[in-house]
N, C-alpha and C. Protein backbone atom coordinates (compact mmCIF):
# COMPACT_ATOMS: atom_id res chain seq x y z
N UNK A 1 0.71 -1.09 0.16
CA UNK A 1 0.58 -0.43 0.02
C UNK A 1 0.59 1.44 -0.47
N UNK A 2 0.78 2.18 -0.14
CA UNK A 2 1.30 4.13 -0.82
C UNK A 2 1.57 4.28 0.71
N UNK A 3 2.64 4.82 0.84
CA UNK A 3 2.54 5.12 2.32
C UNK A 3 3.32 6.27 2.40
N UNK A 4 3.32 7.09 2.01
CA UNK A 4 3.98 8.80 1.68
C UNK A 4 2.77 9.25 0.48
N UNK A 5 2.33 10.47 0.67
CA UNK A 5 1.96 11.82 -0.09
C UNK A 5 1.96 11.13 -1.93
N UNK A 6 3.17 10.91 -2.25
CA UNK A 6 3.81 11.24 -3.64
C UNK A 6 3.26 9.66 -4.12
N UNK A 7 2.98 8.85 -3.10
CA UNK A 7 3.30 7.19 -3.95
C UNK A 7 1.54 6.98 -3.93
N UNK A 8 1.04 7.83 -2.90
CA UNK A 8 -0.39 8.11 -2.66
C UNK A 8 -1.18 8.58 -3.92
N UNK A 9 0.24 9.73 -4.54
CA UNK A 9 -0.72 10.26 -5.35
C UNK A 9 -0.75 9.37 -6.77
N UNK A 10 0.90 8.97 -7.67
CA UNK A 10 0.69 8.28 -8.17
C UNK A 10 -0.20 6.89 -8.72
N UNK A 11 -0.38 6.25 -6.75
CA UNK A 11 -1.45 5.04 -6.63
C UNK A 11 -2.50 5.41 -7.50
N UNK A 12 -2.91 6.59 -7.31
CA UNK A 12 -4.36 7.09 -7.43
C UNK A 12 -4.87 7.56 -8.76
N UNK A 13 -3.15 7.73 -9.62
CA UNK A 13 -3.25 8.35 -11.17
C UNK A 13 -3.56 6.77 -11.96
N UNK A 14 -2.81 6.52 -10.76
CA UNK A 14 -2.53 4.78 -11.96
C UNK A 14 -4.28 4.23 -12.21
N UNK A 15 -5.29 4.36 -11.09
CA UNK A 15 -5.95 3.95 -10.52
C UNK A 15 -7.14 4.54 -11.53
N UNK A 16 -6.91 5.67 -11.82
CA UNK A 16 -7.90 6.43 -12.31
C UNK A 16 -7.32 6.04 -13.52
N UNK A 17 -6.32 6.23 -14.28
CA UNK A 17 -5.97 6.41 -15.39
C UNK A 17 -6.92 4.96 -16.31
N UNK A 18 -6.65 3.80 -15.35
CA UNK A 18 -7.76 2.31 -15.35
C UNK A 18 -9.17 2.52 -15.41
N UNK A 19 -9.73 3.25 -14.51
CA UNK A 19 -10.33 3.37 -14.19
C UNK A 19 -11.52 3.70 -15.24
N UNK A 20 -10.73 5.73 -15.57
CA UNK A 20 -11.42 6.23 -16.23
C UNK A 20 -12.49 5.78 -18.23
N UNK A 21 -10.88 4.87 -18.27
CA UNK A 21 -11.16 4.25 -19.23
C UNK A 21 -12.19 3.06 -19.37
N UNK A 22 -12.16 2.04 -18.41
CA UNK A 22 -13.31 1.14 -18.08
C UNK A 22 -14.53 1.45 -18.09
N UNK A 23 -14.93 2.70 -17.51
CA UNK A 23 -16.75 2.96 -17.26
C UNK A 23 -16.69 3.70 -18.83
N UNK A 24 -15.60 4.91 -19.17
CA UNK A 24 -16.27 5.15 -20.39
C UNK A 24 -16.72 4.23 -21.73
N UNK A 25 -15.58 3.31 -21.18
CA UNK A 25 -16.40 1.85 -21.99
C UNK A 25 -17.48 1.26 -22.29
N UNK A 26 -17.97 1.20 -20.93
CA UNK A 26 -18.95 0.57 -20.08
C UNK A 26 -20.39 1.62 -19.70
N UNK A 27 -19.92 2.73 -19.81
CA UNK A 27 -21.20 3.55 -20.13
C UNK A 27 -21.46 3.52 -21.75
N UNK A 28 -20.59 3.92 -22.82
CA UNK A 28 -20.67 4.00 -24.08
C UNK A 28 -21.35 2.54 -24.66
N UNK A 29 -20.55 1.65 -24.71
CA UNK A 29 -20.80 0.31 -25.08
C UNK A 29 -22.01 0.02 -24.79
N UNK A 30 -22.40 -0.93 -23.07
CA UNK A 30 -23.15 -1.94 -22.86
C UNK A 30 -24.01 -0.89 -22.53
N UNK A 31 -23.56 0.21 -21.30
CA UNK A 31 -25.15 0.59 -20.51
C UNK A 31 -25.74 1.29 -21.83
N UNK A 32 -25.33 2.32 -22.77
CA UNK A 32 -25.48 3.33 -23.76
C UNK A 32 -25.83 2.72 -25.00
N UNK A 33 -25.03 1.77 -25.51
CA UNK A 33 -24.49 1.59 -27.39
C UNK A 33 -25.79 0.63 -27.99
N UNK A 34 -26.45 0.43 -27.18
CA UNK A 34 -28.00 0.10 -27.98
C UNK A 34 -29.17 1.66 -28.46
N UNK A 35 -28.37 2.38 -27.10
CA UNK A 35 -29.22 4.02 -27.47
C UNK A 35 -28.74 4.31 -28.54
N UNK A 36 -27.20 4.10 -28.66
CA UNK A 36 -26.53 5.22 -29.81
C UNK A 36 -26.72 4.92 -30.45
N UNK A 37 -26.75 3.40 -31.17
CA UNK A 37 -26.95 2.97 -32.40
C UNK A 37 -28.48 3.19 -32.95
N UNK A 38 -29.28 2.58 -31.94
CA UNK A 38 -30.53 2.93 -32.77
C UNK A 38 -30.71 4.81 -33.10
N UNK A 39 -30.29 5.54 -32.05
CA UNK A 39 -30.53 6.91 -32.18
C UNK A 39 -29.77 7.16 -33.87
N UNK A 40 -28.17 6.97 -34.08
CA UNK A 40 -27.47 6.96 -35.65
C UNK A 40 -28.10 6.36 -36.49
N UNK A 41 -28.80 4.94 -35.99
CA UNK A 41 -28.66 4.16 -36.95
C UNK A 41 -28.09 3.59 -37.71
N UNK A 42 -27.46 3.13 -36.91
CA UNK A 42 -26.27 2.51 -37.19
C UNK A 42 -25.64 0.76 -36.28
N UNK A 43 -24.74 0.45 -36.89
CA UNK A 43 -24.72 -0.64 -35.92
C UNK A 43 -23.81 -1.01 -35.77
N UNK A 44 -22.60 0.09 -35.14
CA UNK A 44 -21.65 -0.01 -34.32
C UNK A 44 -21.85 1.45 -33.31
N UNK A 45 -21.15 1.11 -32.30
CA UNK A 45 -21.34 1.44 -31.44
C UNK A 45 -20.30 3.37 -31.68
N UNK A 46 -19.18 2.94 -31.81
CA UNK A 46 -18.49 3.82 -33.10
C UNK A 46 -18.44 4.76 -33.83
N UNK A 47 -19.23 4.15 -34.63
CA UNK A 47 -20.25 4.74 -35.70
C UNK A 47 -21.18 5.69 -35.13
N UNK A 48 -21.59 5.34 -33.98
CA UNK A 48 -22.78 6.06 -33.53
C UNK A 48 -22.41 7.22 -33.21
N UNK A 49 -21.72 7.61 -32.08
CA UNK A 49 -20.40 8.27 -32.16
C UNK A 49 -19.90 9.37 -32.59
N UNK A 50 -19.66 8.54 -33.86
CA UNK A 50 -19.60 9.22 -34.37
C UNK A 50 -20.24 10.02 -35.72
N UNK A 51 -20.93 9.95 -35.59
CA UNK A 51 -22.81 10.54 -36.53
C UNK A 51 -23.11 11.24 -35.70
N UNK A 52 -22.74 11.06 -34.93
CA UNK A 52 -23.99 12.11 -33.76
C UNK A 52 -22.96 13.16 -33.48
N UNK A 53 -21.73 13.17 -33.69
CA UNK A 53 -20.69 13.95 -33.30
C UNK A 53 -19.74 13.93 -32.28
N UNK A 54 -20.49 13.11 -31.24
CA UNK A 54 -19.65 12.46 -30.18
C UNK A 54 -20.50 12.53 -29.32
N UNK A 55 -19.70 12.62 -28.17
CA UNK A 55 -20.76 12.15 -26.74
C UNK A 55 -21.35 13.20 -25.87
N UNK A 56 -22.58 13.00 -25.84
CA UNK A 56 -23.45 14.39 -24.91
C UNK A 56 -22.74 14.31 -23.60
N UNK A 57 -22.30 15.58 -23.86
CA UNK A 57 -21.88 15.92 -22.54
C UNK A 57 -22.34 17.44 -22.03
N UNK A 58 -22.89 17.67 -21.01
CA UNK A 58 -22.50 19.38 -20.44
C UNK A 58 -23.74 19.90 -21.54
N UNK A 59 -24.61 19.67 -22.36
CA UNK A 59 -25.20 20.42 -23.61
C UNK A 59 -24.33 20.00 -24.97
N UNK A 60 -23.54 19.37 -24.38
CA UNK A 60 -23.14 19.47 -26.00
C UNK A 60 -22.65 18.55 -26.94
N UNK A 61 -21.97 18.17 -27.83
CA UNK A 61 -21.36 16.65 -28.22
C UNK A 61 -19.96 16.59 -28.59
N UNK A 62 -19.67 16.06 -27.31
CA UNK A 62 -17.55 16.44 -27.02
C UNK A 62 -16.58 14.97 -28.07
N UNK A 63 -15.84 14.87 -28.37
CA UNK A 63 -15.17 13.87 -28.97
C UNK A 63 -14.57 13.02 -27.19
N UNK A 64 -14.52 12.32 -27.74
CA UNK A 64 -14.49 10.55 -27.02
C UNK A 64 -13.33 10.93 -25.63
N UNK A 65 -12.42 11.79 -26.55
CA UNK A 65 -11.35 12.37 -25.99
C UNK A 65 -11.45 13.38 -24.74
N UNK A 66 -12.14 13.70 -24.95
CA UNK A 66 -12.18 15.44 -24.43
C UNK A 66 -13.40 14.21 -22.55
N UNK A 67 -14.04 13.78 -24.01
CA UNK A 67 -15.25 13.10 -22.10
C UNK A 67 -13.91 12.35 -21.25
N UNK A 68 -13.21 11.99 -21.54
CA UNK A 68 -11.97 10.52 -21.11
C UNK A 68 -11.14 11.77 -19.79
N UNK A 69 -10.72 12.85 -20.79
CA UNK A 69 -10.12 14.53 -20.11
C UNK A 69 -11.04 14.98 -18.80
N UNK A 70 -11.88 15.17 -19.47
CA UNK A 70 -13.22 15.92 -18.11
C UNK A 70 -13.18 14.66 -17.11
N UNK A 71 -13.57 13.79 -17.23
CA UNK A 71 -14.07 12.64 -15.97
C UNK A 71 -12.62 12.15 -15.53
N UNK A 72 -11.68 11.68 -16.34
CA UNK A 72 -10.46 11.88 -15.64
C UNK A 72 -10.20 13.18 -14.50
N UNK A 73 -10.05 13.92 -14.99
CA UNK A 73 -10.10 14.98 -13.82
C UNK A 73 -10.56 14.63 -12.45
N UNK A 74 -12.15 15.43 -12.63
CA UNK A 74 -12.99 15.08 -11.75
C UNK A 74 -12.77 13.91 -10.77
N UNK A 75 -13.00 12.18 -11.90
CA UNK A 75 -12.02 11.57 -11.11
C UNK A 75 -10.77 11.70 -10.04
N UNK A 76 -9.90 12.18 -10.33
CA UNK A 76 -8.43 12.42 -9.60
C UNK A 76 -8.63 13.49 -8.30
N UNK A 77 -9.57 13.96 -8.86
CA UNK A 77 -9.44 14.61 -6.92
C UNK A 77 -10.64 14.31 -6.26
N UNK A 78 -10.98 13.46 -6.74
CA UNK A 78 -11.92 13.12 -6.01
C UNK A 78 -11.28 11.91 -5.02
N UNK A 79 -10.65 11.31 -6.25
CA UNK A 79 -9.64 10.11 -5.37
C UNK A 79 -9.19 10.17 -4.27
N UNK A 80 -7.72 11.56 -4.60
CA UNK A 80 -7.10 11.98 -3.62
C UNK A 80 -7.74 12.64 -2.79
N UNK A 81 -8.30 13.96 -3.11
CA UNK A 81 -9.18 14.29 -1.71
C UNK A 81 -10.18 13.62 -1.06
N UNK A 82 -11.53 13.29 -1.84
CA UNK A 82 -12.01 11.82 -0.81
C UNK A 82 -12.55 10.74 -0.54
N UNK A 83 -12.03 9.96 -2.00
CA UNK A 83 -11.96 8.59 -1.96
C UNK A 83 -10.77 7.80 -1.20
N UNK A 84 -9.37 8.22 -1.62
CA UNK A 84 -8.28 7.63 -0.22
C UNK A 84 -8.71 8.06 1.11
N UNK A 85 -8.63 9.45 1.87
CA UNK A 85 -8.92 9.47 2.52
C UNK A 85 -9.74 8.82 3.61
N UNK A 86 -11.23 8.93 3.41
CA UNK A 86 -12.17 8.36 3.67
C UNK A 86 -12.27 6.80 3.84
N UNK A 87 -11.83 6.55 2.71
CA UNK A 87 -12.19 5.08 2.59
C UNK A 87 -10.77 3.81 3.64
N UNK A 88 -9.69 5.33 4.15
CA UNK A 88 -8.84 4.29 4.39
C UNK A 88 -9.59 4.60 6.04
N UNK A 89 -10.02 5.71 6.56
CA UNK A 89 -10.66 6.08 7.64
C UNK A 89 -11.84 5.21 8.20
N UNK A 90 -12.61 4.43 7.35
CA UNK A 90 -13.00 3.47 6.95
C UNK A 90 -12.82 1.68 7.84
N UNK A 91 -11.98 1.55 6.56
CA UNK A 91 -10.81 0.59 6.94
C UNK A 91 -10.42 0.49 8.58
N UNK A 92 -10.36 1.19 8.40
CA UNK A 92 -9.31 1.94 9.69
C UNK A 92 -10.38 1.78 10.84
N UNK A 93 -11.96 2.42 10.91
CA UNK A 93 -12.85 1.81 12.07
C UNK A 93 -12.91 0.38 12.08
N UNK A 94 -12.89 -0.36 10.76
CA UNK A 94 -13.53 -2.15 11.42
C UNK A 94 -12.34 -2.54 11.72
N UNK A 95 -11.78 -2.88 10.90
CA UNK A 95 -10.15 -3.54 10.85
C UNK A 95 -8.74 -2.75 11.82
N UNK A 96 -8.07 -3.94 12.77
CA UNK A 96 -6.89 -3.04 13.49
C UNK A 96 -6.15 -3.51 12.32
N UNK A 97 -5.12 -2.28 11.74
CA UNK A 97 -4.18 -2.13 10.19
C UNK A 97 -3.54 -3.49 11.01
N UNK A 98 -3.01 -3.83 12.36
CA UNK A 98 -1.18 -4.32 12.36
C UNK A 98 -1.96 -5.65 13.19
N UNK A 99 -3.42 -6.26 13.56
CA UNK A 99 -3.85 -7.56 13.68
C UNK A 99 -4.13 -8.36 12.55
N UNK A 100 -4.81 -7.46 11.84
CA UNK A 100 -5.99 -7.93 10.49
C UNK A 100 -4.95 -7.64 9.16
N UNK A 101 -5.22 -9.10 8.40
CA UNK A 101 -4.35 -10.13 6.96
C UNK A 101 -4.46 -8.49 6.29
N UNK A 102 -3.30 -8.26 5.42
CA UNK A 102 -3.17 -7.80 4.51
C UNK A 102 -4.11 -7.62 3.50
N UNK A 103 -4.67 -8.84 3.36
CA UNK A 103 -5.32 -8.71 1.68
C UNK A 103 -6.97 -8.43 2.20
N UNK A 104 -7.14 -8.76 3.49
CA UNK A 104 -8.33 -8.49 3.90
C UNK A 104 -8.58 -7.20 4.66
N UNK A 105 -7.30 -6.15 4.87
CA UNK A 105 -7.37 -4.95 5.17
C UNK A 105 -7.40 -4.31 3.57
N UNK A 106 -6.87 -4.99 2.51
CA UNK A 106 -7.22 -3.74 1.26
C UNK A 106 -8.28 -4.58 0.69
N UNK A 107 -8.83 -5.37 0.67
CA UNK A 107 -10.32 -5.57 -0.16
C UNK A 107 -11.76 -4.50 1.27
N UNK A 108 -10.95 -4.48 2.11
CA UNK A 108 -12.17 -3.38 2.91
C UNK A 108 -11.43 -1.96 2.75
N UNK A 109 -10.26 -1.82 1.79
CA UNK A 109 -10.28 -0.20 1.65
C UNK A 109 -10.98 -0.13 0.18
N UNK A 110 -10.80 -1.13 -0.46
CA UNK A 110 -10.87 -1.17 -1.98
C UNK A 110 -13.38 -1.06 -1.83
N UNK A 111 -13.64 -2.06 -1.19
CA UNK A 111 -14.79 -1.56 -0.93
C UNK A 111 -15.23 -0.04 -0.61
N UNK A 112 -14.60 -0.16 0.95
CA UNK A 112 -15.07 1.43 1.46
C UNK A 112 -14.53 2.82 0.21
N UNK A 113 -13.74 2.07 -0.60
CA UNK A 113 -13.33 3.54 -1.75
C UNK A 113 -14.76 3.03 -2.53
N UNK A 114 -14.89 1.77 -3.44
CA UNK A 114 -16.33 2.01 -4.58
C UNK A 114 -17.38 2.59 -2.97
N UNK A 115 -17.57 2.39 -2.69
CA UNK A 115 -19.11 2.48 -2.08
C UNK A 115 -18.83 4.59 -1.65
N UNK A 116 -17.68 5.04 -1.89
CA UNK A 116 -17.72 6.07 -1.80
C UNK A 116 -17.34 7.03 -2.67
N UNK A 117 -16.95 6.08 -3.52
CA UNK A 117 -16.69 6.43 -4.98
C UNK A 117 -17.70 6.63 -6.10
N UNK A 118 -18.57 5.70 -6.02
CA UNK A 118 -20.25 5.47 -6.63
C UNK A 118 -20.56 6.01 -6.70
N UNK A 119 -21.02 7.17 -5.73
CA UNK A 119 -22.39 7.77 -5.42
C UNK A 119 -21.62 9.28 -6.07
N UNK A 120 -20.30 9.07 -5.26
CA UNK A 120 -19.88 10.43 -6.18
C UNK A 120 -20.16 10.89 -7.50
N UNK A 121 -19.21 9.86 -8.22
CA UNK A 121 -19.20 10.26 -9.59
C UNK A 121 -20.19 9.88 -10.60
N UNK A 122 -20.81 9.60 -9.60
CA UNK A 122 -22.12 8.76 -10.73
C UNK A 122 -23.41 10.22 -10.66
N UNK A 123 -23.31 10.71 -9.20
CA UNK A 123 -24.08 12.61 -9.67
C UNK A 123 -22.80 13.73 -9.79
N UNK A 124 -21.58 13.41 -9.97
CA UNK A 124 -20.86 13.98 -11.33
C UNK A 124 -21.48 13.68 -12.41
N UNK A 125 -21.59 12.18 -13.10
CA UNK A 125 -21.30 12.17 -14.44
C UNK A 125 -23.56 11.91 -14.75
N UNK A 126 -24.46 12.63 -13.33
CA UNK A 126 -25.58 12.87 -13.18
C UNK A 126 -25.41 14.64 -14.25
N UNK A 127 -24.57 14.91 -13.66
CA UNK A 127 -24.62 16.40 -13.57
C UNK A 127 -24.36 16.60 -15.42
N UNK A 128 -22.83 16.07 -15.58
CA UNK A 128 -22.20 16.38 -16.95
C UNK A 128 -23.06 16.27 -17.98
N UNK A 129 -23.88 14.61 -18.08
CA UNK A 129 -24.66 14.04 -19.24
C UNK A 129 -26.56 14.78 -18.96
N UNK A 130 -26.58 15.46 -18.04
CA UNK A 130 -28.14 15.58 -17.94
C UNK A 130 -28.51 16.16 -19.39
N UNK A 131 -29.63 15.66 -20.01
CA UNK A 131 -30.60 16.30 -21.00
C UNK A 131 -30.65 17.77 -20.85
N UNK A 132 -30.05 18.39 -20.60
CA UNK A 132 -29.85 20.14 -20.41
C UNK A 132 -31.12 21.05 -21.97
N UNK A 133 -31.39 20.17 -23.00
CA UNK A 133 -31.87 20.65 -23.65
C UNK A 133 -33.28 20.48 -23.58
N UNK A 134 -33.68 19.40 -22.75
CA UNK A 134 -35.36 19.89 -21.66
C UNK A 134 -35.51 20.62 -21.12
N UNK A 135 -34.78 21.41 -20.57
CA UNK A 135 -34.41 21.85 -18.74
C UNK A 135 -33.95 21.57 -18.00
N UNK A 136 -33.88 21.95 -16.93
CA UNK A 136 -33.77 21.32 -15.63
C UNK A 136 -34.64 21.14 -14.92
N UNK A 137 -34.77 19.57 -14.45
CA UNK A 137 -35.25 19.40 -13.22
C UNK A 137 -35.46 18.44 -12.58
N UNK A 138 -34.97 19.46 -10.72
CA UNK A 138 -34.69 18.07 -9.98
C UNK A 138 -35.11 17.17 -9.57
N UNK A 139 -35.97 16.81 -9.92
CA UNK A 139 -36.75 15.39 -10.15
C UNK A 139 -35.32 14.20 -11.12
N UNK A 140 -35.65 15.02 -11.98
CA UNK A 140 -34.83 14.12 -13.34
C UNK A 140 -33.55 14.11 -13.26
N UNK A 141 -32.58 14.94 -12.76
CA UNK A 141 -31.33 14.82 -12.25
C UNK A 141 -31.33 13.81 -11.35
N UNK A 142 -32.24 13.64 -10.15
CA UNK A 142 -32.27 12.64 -8.51
C UNK A 142 -32.60 11.33 -9.57
N UNK A 143 -34.01 10.97 -10.19
CA UNK A 143 -33.17 9.90 -10.43
C UNK A 143 -32.71 9.30 -11.85
N UNK A 144 -32.09 10.55 -12.31
CA UNK A 144 -31.04 10.03 -13.59
C UNK A 144 -29.41 9.44 -12.42
N UNK A 145 -29.22 10.30 -11.38
CA UNK A 145 -28.43 9.92 -10.24
C UNK A 145 -28.48 8.90 -10.19
N UNK A 146 -29.73 8.08 -9.36
CA UNK A 146 -30.09 6.76 -8.81
C UNK A 146 -29.94 5.53 -9.97
N UNK A 147 -30.34 6.15 -10.64
CA UNK A 147 -30.20 5.17 -12.48
C UNK A 147 -28.40 5.15 -12.25
N UNK A 148 -27.48 5.90 -12.48
CA UNK A 148 -26.67 5.66 -12.37
C UNK A 148 -25.84 4.73 -11.45
N UNK A 149 -25.65 5.22 -9.90
CA UNK A 149 -25.43 4.46 -8.81
C UNK A 149 -25.83 2.97 -9.61
N UNK A 150 -27.01 2.52 -9.76
CA UNK A 150 -27.44 1.29 -9.79
C UNK A 150 -27.13 0.47 -10.63
N UNK A 151 -26.60 1.03 -11.98
CA UNK A 151 -25.78 0.52 -13.42
C UNK A 151 -24.34 0.42 -12.48
N UNK A 152 -23.82 1.68 -12.14
CA UNK A 152 -22.27 1.84 -11.90
C UNK A 152 -21.38 1.01 -10.62
N UNK A 153 -23.22 0.47 -9.16
CA UNK A 153 -22.05 0.19 -8.35
C UNK A 153 -21.84 -1.39 -9.05
N UNK A 154 -22.92 -2.12 -9.15
CA UNK A 154 -21.87 -3.77 -9.83
C UNK A 154 -20.64 -4.28 -10.51
N UNK A 155 -20.86 -2.94 -11.25
CA UNK A 155 -19.06 -2.97 -12.49
C UNK A 155 -18.48 -3.04 -11.27
N UNK A 156 -18.45 -1.71 -10.78
CA UNK A 156 -17.19 -0.65 -10.16
C UNK A 156 -16.95 -2.13 -9.22
N UNK A 157 -18.22 -2.12 -8.49
CA UNK A 157 -17.56 -3.70 -7.17
C UNK A 157 -16.81 -4.88 -7.48
N UNK A 158 -17.16 -5.51 -8.77
CA UNK A 158 -16.52 -6.43 -9.21
C UNK A 158 -14.62 -5.86 -9.70
N UNK A 159 -15.47 -4.77 -10.89
CA UNK A 159 -14.01 -4.83 -11.62
C UNK A 159 -13.38 -3.95 -10.55
N UNK A 160 -13.23 -3.01 -10.09
CA UNK A 160 -12.14 -3.15 -8.90
C UNK A 160 -11.40 -3.51 -8.04
N UNK A 161 -12.50 -4.86 -6.94
CA UNK A 161 -12.13 -5.84 -6.45
C UNK A 161 -11.10 -7.08 -7.22
N UNK A 162 -11.50 -7.84 -8.43
CA UNK A 162 -11.15 -8.74 -8.68
C UNK A 162 -9.77 -8.81 -10.20
N UNK A 163 -9.94 -6.71 -10.76
CA UNK A 163 -9.44 -6.50 -12.11
C UNK A 163 -8.53 -5.36 -12.07
N UNK A 164 -8.73 -4.26 -11.24
CA UNK A 164 -8.17 -3.08 -11.65
C UNK A 164 -7.47 -2.89 -10.16
N UNK A 165 -7.99 -3.55 -9.04
CA UNK A 165 -6.86 -3.40 -8.03
C UNK A 165 -6.45 -4.00 -7.61
N UNK A 166 -6.14 -5.20 -8.42
CA UNK A 166 -4.88 -6.18 -8.05
C UNK A 166 -3.96 -5.91 -9.54
N UNK A 167 -4.07 -5.88 -10.02
CA UNK A 167 -3.54 -5.38 -11.24
C UNK A 167 -2.35 -4.32 -10.81
N UNK A 168 -3.54 -3.01 -10.21
CA UNK A 168 -2.71 -1.59 -9.86
C UNK A 168 -1.48 -1.80 -8.82
N UNK A 169 -2.38 -3.02 -7.76
CA UNK A 169 -1.40 -3.07 -6.79
C UNK A 169 0.34 -3.48 -7.15
N UNK A 170 -0.28 -4.76 -8.10
CA UNK A 170 1.18 -5.52 -8.46
C UNK A 170 1.58 -4.60 -9.20
N UNK A 171 1.21 -3.87 -10.22
CA UNK A 171 2.41 -2.71 -11.19
C UNK A 171 2.59 -1.83 -10.29
N UNK A 172 2.04 -1.50 -9.09
CA UNK A 172 2.45 -0.36 -7.53
C UNK A 172 3.73 -1.09 -6.93
N UNK A 173 3.85 -2.31 -6.60
CA UNK A 173 4.91 -2.33 -6.23
C UNK A 173 6.09 -2.94 -7.01
N UNK A 174 5.39 -3.34 -8.49
CA UNK A 174 6.73 -3.71 -9.43
C UNK A 174 7.47 -2.08 -9.10
N UNK A 175 6.61 -0.93 -9.79
CA UNK A 175 7.22 0.56 -9.73
C UNK A 175 8.02 0.81 -8.37
N UNK A 176 7.26 0.42 -7.37
CA UNK A 176 8.17 0.81 -5.98
C UNK A 176 9.03 0.18 -5.24
N UNK A 177 9.36 -0.82 -6.42
CA UNK A 177 10.42 -2.32 -5.50
C UNK A 177 11.80 -1.81 -4.77
N UNK A 178 12.49 -1.47 -5.15
CA UNK A 178 13.49 -0.90 -4.91
C UNK A 178 13.61 0.23 -3.81
N UNK A 179 12.89 0.74 -3.15
CA UNK A 179 11.90 1.84 -2.66
C UNK A 179 11.48 1.00 -1.18
N UNK A 180 11.13 -0.56 -0.82
CA UNK A 180 10.51 -1.30 0.26
C UNK A 180 11.79 -1.78 0.32
């Protein structure tokens, strides 16, 4: 696990780079792929996005790279200032770091991070991807937020617990092995 500010920032950077790309793919292809293809009358999600002029974000159609960049900025800041510190505190409240097996403690941190980051990033996504062309309605916004939490939580839990975090932790240990 990262032991200082620099290591935590690098750990968060690696995690967020992988996670944002995974979520953009998941959101565009798995959750909204059929809708995008129907809107553009195409048989490919990528063709649909190109036909529509990009991905709808904050009332405009933007290229995919800009969507990834915007989400990366929000996710990295949220991870550094909210996700990492609070998930570690939540895990420490339930487990004694000195007496608990490292794998169990890391699993608790991952689960706490998912519990914090999914509602937070879903809230940000509900704001960014809100259909502003029809005006803003708070109930529609809240319904979209809850829908995003329901779509994102299972994906986040399983991808972080079984794929992303084991890979990031292995990569992190490889990068900082000389320091340990």
